[in-house]
């Protein structure tokens, strides 16, 4: 088996001018970061790290659909819930409804699953298979109320599509 050397730059370029600029700088780097790598866990780990380095939110990670539950995948942040049922909490709701869910204040979300009491706002973006089935989700929690908006949705949905396109 050949020996491979990591040729990816060890530093992420991060734009701090505004949120949209940060995403515009990040998205092409995410694409380049996972290009040519077929291992899903490695790709999700690097994407969660890149998002965490760029935005410094409380928790950034992935859940993957496994036997009718969302199962914890690669993430950055405090310990998380391991399994979430369809329709439960923000993550399960995004999975069930097949659309992005933005929650300004999780304490006002009926059935919110509190993996961390420090979480105040959340965005959850479904990841689809090429056949259109939800196969996973991107989950991001913030300690600040109202952290997420349509800018986050637009670019995180692009990242979800990059993940879909990377899966053989």
Protein backbone atom coordinates (compact mmCIF):
# COMPACT_ATOMS: atom_id res chain seq x y z
CA UNK A 1 0.00 0.00 0.00
CA UNK A 2 1.44 3.39 -0.94
CA UNK A 3 2.32 5.95 1.71
CA UNK A 4 0.47 9.24 1.32
CA UNK A 5 1.67 12.60 2.54
CA UNK A 6 -0.83 15.22 3.61
CA UNK A 7 -0.60 18.00 1.06
CA UNK A 8 -3.52 20.07 2.36
CA UNK A 9 -2.53 23.45 3.74
CA UNK A 10 -2.36 23.32 7.51
CA UNK A 11 -4.05 26.69 7.87
CA UNK A 12 -7.56 27.63 6.95
CA UNK A 13 -8.10 31.06 5.42
CA UNK A 14 -10.71 32.81 7.57
CA UNK A 15 -12.48 36.03 6.66
CA UNK A 16 -13.60 38.04 9.69
CA UNK A 17 -15.19 40.97 7.82
CA UNK A 18 -18.75 39.59 7.99
CA UNK A 19 -20.65 36.30 8.08
CA UNK A 20 -21.30 36.09 4.34
CA UNK A 21 -17.68 36.83 3.52
CA UNK A 22 -16.61 34.14 5.99
CA UNK A 23 -18.81 31.58 4.24
CA UNK A 24 -17.68 32.73 0.78
CA UNK A 25 -14.09 32.12 1.88
CA UNK A 26 -14.91 28.82 3.62
CA UNK A 27 -17.07 26.98 1.05
CA UNK A 28 -14.39 26.61 -1.66
CA UNK A 29 -11.92 25.48 1.01
CA UNK A 30 -14.38 22.81 2.19
CA UNK A 31 -14.71 21.60 -1.40
CA UNK A 32 -10.91 21.46 -1.78
CA UNK A 33 -10.46 19.89 1.65
CA UNK A 34 -12.52 16.81 0.81
CA UNK A 35 -11.77 16.59 -2.91
CA UNK A 36 -10.28 13.21 -3.68
CA UNK A 37 -10.94 11.78 -0.20
CA UNK A 38 -13.54 9.02 -0.17
CA UNK A 39 -13.68 8.42 3.59
CA UNK A 40 -16.87 10.02 4.89
CA UNK A 41 -15.76 10.16 8.54
CA UNK A 42 -12.52 11.91 7.62
CA UNK A 43 -14.39 14.41 5.47
CA UNK A 44 -17.03 15.17 8.11
CA UNK A 45 -14.32 15.54 10.77
CA UNK A 46 -12.44 18.09 8.66
CA UNK A 47 -15.60 19.98 7.75
CA UNK A 48 -16.69 20.24 11.39
CA UNK A 49 -13.22 21.50 12.28
CA UNK A 50 -13.23 24.07 9.46
CA UNK A 51 -16.65 25.35 10.54
CA UNK A 52 -15.57 25.53 14.19
CA UNK A 53 -12.36 27.38 13.31
CA UNK A 54 -14.28 29.85 11.19
CA UNK A 55 -17.29 30.56 13.40
CA UNK A 56 -16.30 29.39 16.91
CA UNK A 57 -19.85 28.28 17.78
CA UNK A 58 -20.45 26.08 20.83
CA UNK A 59 -21.05 22.85 18.91
CA UNK A 60 -20.65 21.96 15.25
CA UNK A 61 -21.10 18.47 13.94
CA UNK A 62 -22.97 15.78 12.13
CA UNK A 63 -25.53 13.11 12.80
CA UNK A 64 -25.98 10.28 10.31
CA UNK A 65 -29.15 8.26 9.69
CA UNK A 66 -28.72 4.70 10.89
CA UNK A 67 -31.65 2.30 11.31
CA UNK A 68 -34.28 5.01 11.76
CA UNK A 69 -32.23 7.11 14.20
CA UNK A 70 -29.72 9.90 13.88
CA UNK A 71 -26.41 8.67 15.25
CA UNK A 72 -23.66 11.04 16.37
CA UNK A 73 -20.87 11.55 13.88
CA UNK A 74 -17.76 13.74 13.82
CA UNK A 75 -18.10 16.98 15.77
CA UNK A 76 -16.31 19.81 17.54
CA UNK A 77 -17.53 20.91 20.97
CA UNK A 78 -18.84 19.48 24.23
CA UNK A 79 -20.10 15.91 24.60
CA UNK A 80 -23.32 15.37 22.62
CA UNK A 81 -26.40 13.20 22.50
CA UNK A 82 -25.54 9.90 20.83
CA UNK A 83 -28.89 9.03 19.22
CA UNK A 84 -31.90 11.11 18.22
CA UNK A 85 -35.21 9.76 16.96
CA UNK A 86 -37.02 11.06 13.90
CA UNK A 87 -39.22 14.02 14.80
CA UNK A 88 -37.53 14.59 18.17
CA UNK A 89 -35.78 17.86 18.97
CA UNK A 90 -34.48 20.26 16.34
CA UNK A 91 -32.37 17.60 14.61
CA UNK A 92 -35.15 15.03 14.39
CA UNK A 93 -37.58 17.71 13.19
CA UNK A 94 -35.25 18.79 10.36
CA UNK A 95 -34.87 15.13 9.38
CA UNK A 96 -38.61 14.44 9.47
CA UNK A 97 -39.57 17.63 7.60
CA UNK A 98 -36.65 17.34 5.15
CA UNK A 99 -35.77 21.02 5.50
CA UNK A 100 -33.45 23.34 7.37
CA UNK A 101 -34.63 24.43 10.81
CA UNK A 102 -33.39 27.66 12.40
CA UNK A 103 -34.21 28.19 16.07
CA UNK A 104 -33.62 31.63 17.57
CA UNK A 105 -34.02 30.37 21.15
CA UNK A 106 -33.97 26.62 21.78
CA UNK A 107 -35.68 27.09 25.15
CA UNK A 108 -38.83 28.05 23.22
CA UNK A 109 -38.67 25.07 20.83
CA UNK A 110 -41.22 22.39 21.82
CA UNK A 111 -39.42 19.12 22.57
CA UNK A 112 -35.91 20.57 22.36
CA UNK A 113 -33.28 18.03 23.39
CA UNK A 114 -30.77 19.80 25.61
CA UNK A 115 -27.43 18.09 24.99
CA UNK A 116 -25.77 21.18 26.49
CA UNK A 117 -27.42 23.73 28.75
CA UNK A 118 -25.11 26.33 27.16
CA UNK A 119 -26.90 26.04 23.81
CA UNK A 120 -29.22 28.96 23.08
CA UNK A 121 -29.77 28.97 19.30
CA UNK A 122 -29.42 26.26 16.68
CA UNK A 123 -29.47 25.53 12.97
CA UNK A 124 -29.94 22.06 11.51
CA UNK A 125 -29.44 21.35 7.80
CA UNK A 126 -30.40 18.02 6.19
CA UNK A 127 -27.92 16.20 3.97
CA UNK A 128 -29.55 14.29 1.13
CA UNK A 129 -28.49 11.23 -0.82
CA UNK A 130 -28.35 11.55 -4.58
CA UNK A 131 -31.73 9.78 -4.58
CA UNK A 132 -33.24 12.49 -2.36
CA UNK A 133 -33.35 10.68 1.00
CA UNK A 134 -32.13 12.41 4.16
CA UNK A 135 -28.95 10.56 5.11
CA UNK A 136 -27.58 12.94 7.72
CA UNK A 137 -27.69 16.42 9.16
CA UNK A 138 -25.37 19.30 9.95
CA UNK A 139 -26.10 20.57 13.47
CA UNK A 140 -24.70 23.83 14.86
CA UNK A 141 -25.41 25.27 18.32
CA UNK A 142 -24.54 28.75 19.58
CA UNK A 143 -24.43 30.30 23.04
CA UNK A 144 -26.00 33.48 21.62
CA UNK A 145 -29.69 33.95 20.87
CA UNK A 146 -30.52 34.46 17.20
CA UNK A 147 -27.10 33.48 15.88
CA UNK A 148 -28.41 31.87 12.70
CA UNK A 149 -30.24 33.30 9.69
CA UNK A 150 -30.80 32.85 5.96
CA UNK A 151 -27.09 33.48 5.26
CA UNK A 152 -26.15 30.47 7.38
CA UNK A 153 -28.89 28.44 5.73
CA UNK A 154 -27.74 29.34 2.20
CA UNK A 155 -24.10 28.38 2.73
CA UNK A 156 -24.64 25.40 5.02
CA UNK A 157 -27.01 23.96 2.41
CA UNK A 158 -24.18 24.41 -0.12
CA UNK A 159 -21.84 22.51 2.22
CA UNK A 160 -24.47 19.77 2.59
CA UNK A 161 -24.59 19.53 -1.22
CA UNK A 162 -20.78 19.29 -1.37
CA UNK A 163 -21.01 16.35 1.05
CA UNK A 164 -23.70 14.70 -1.08
CA UNK A 165 -21.56 15.13 -4.19
CA UNK A 166 -18.55 13.57 -2.44
CA UNK A 167 -20.35 10.35 -1.61
CA UNK A 168 -19.83 7.69 -4.27
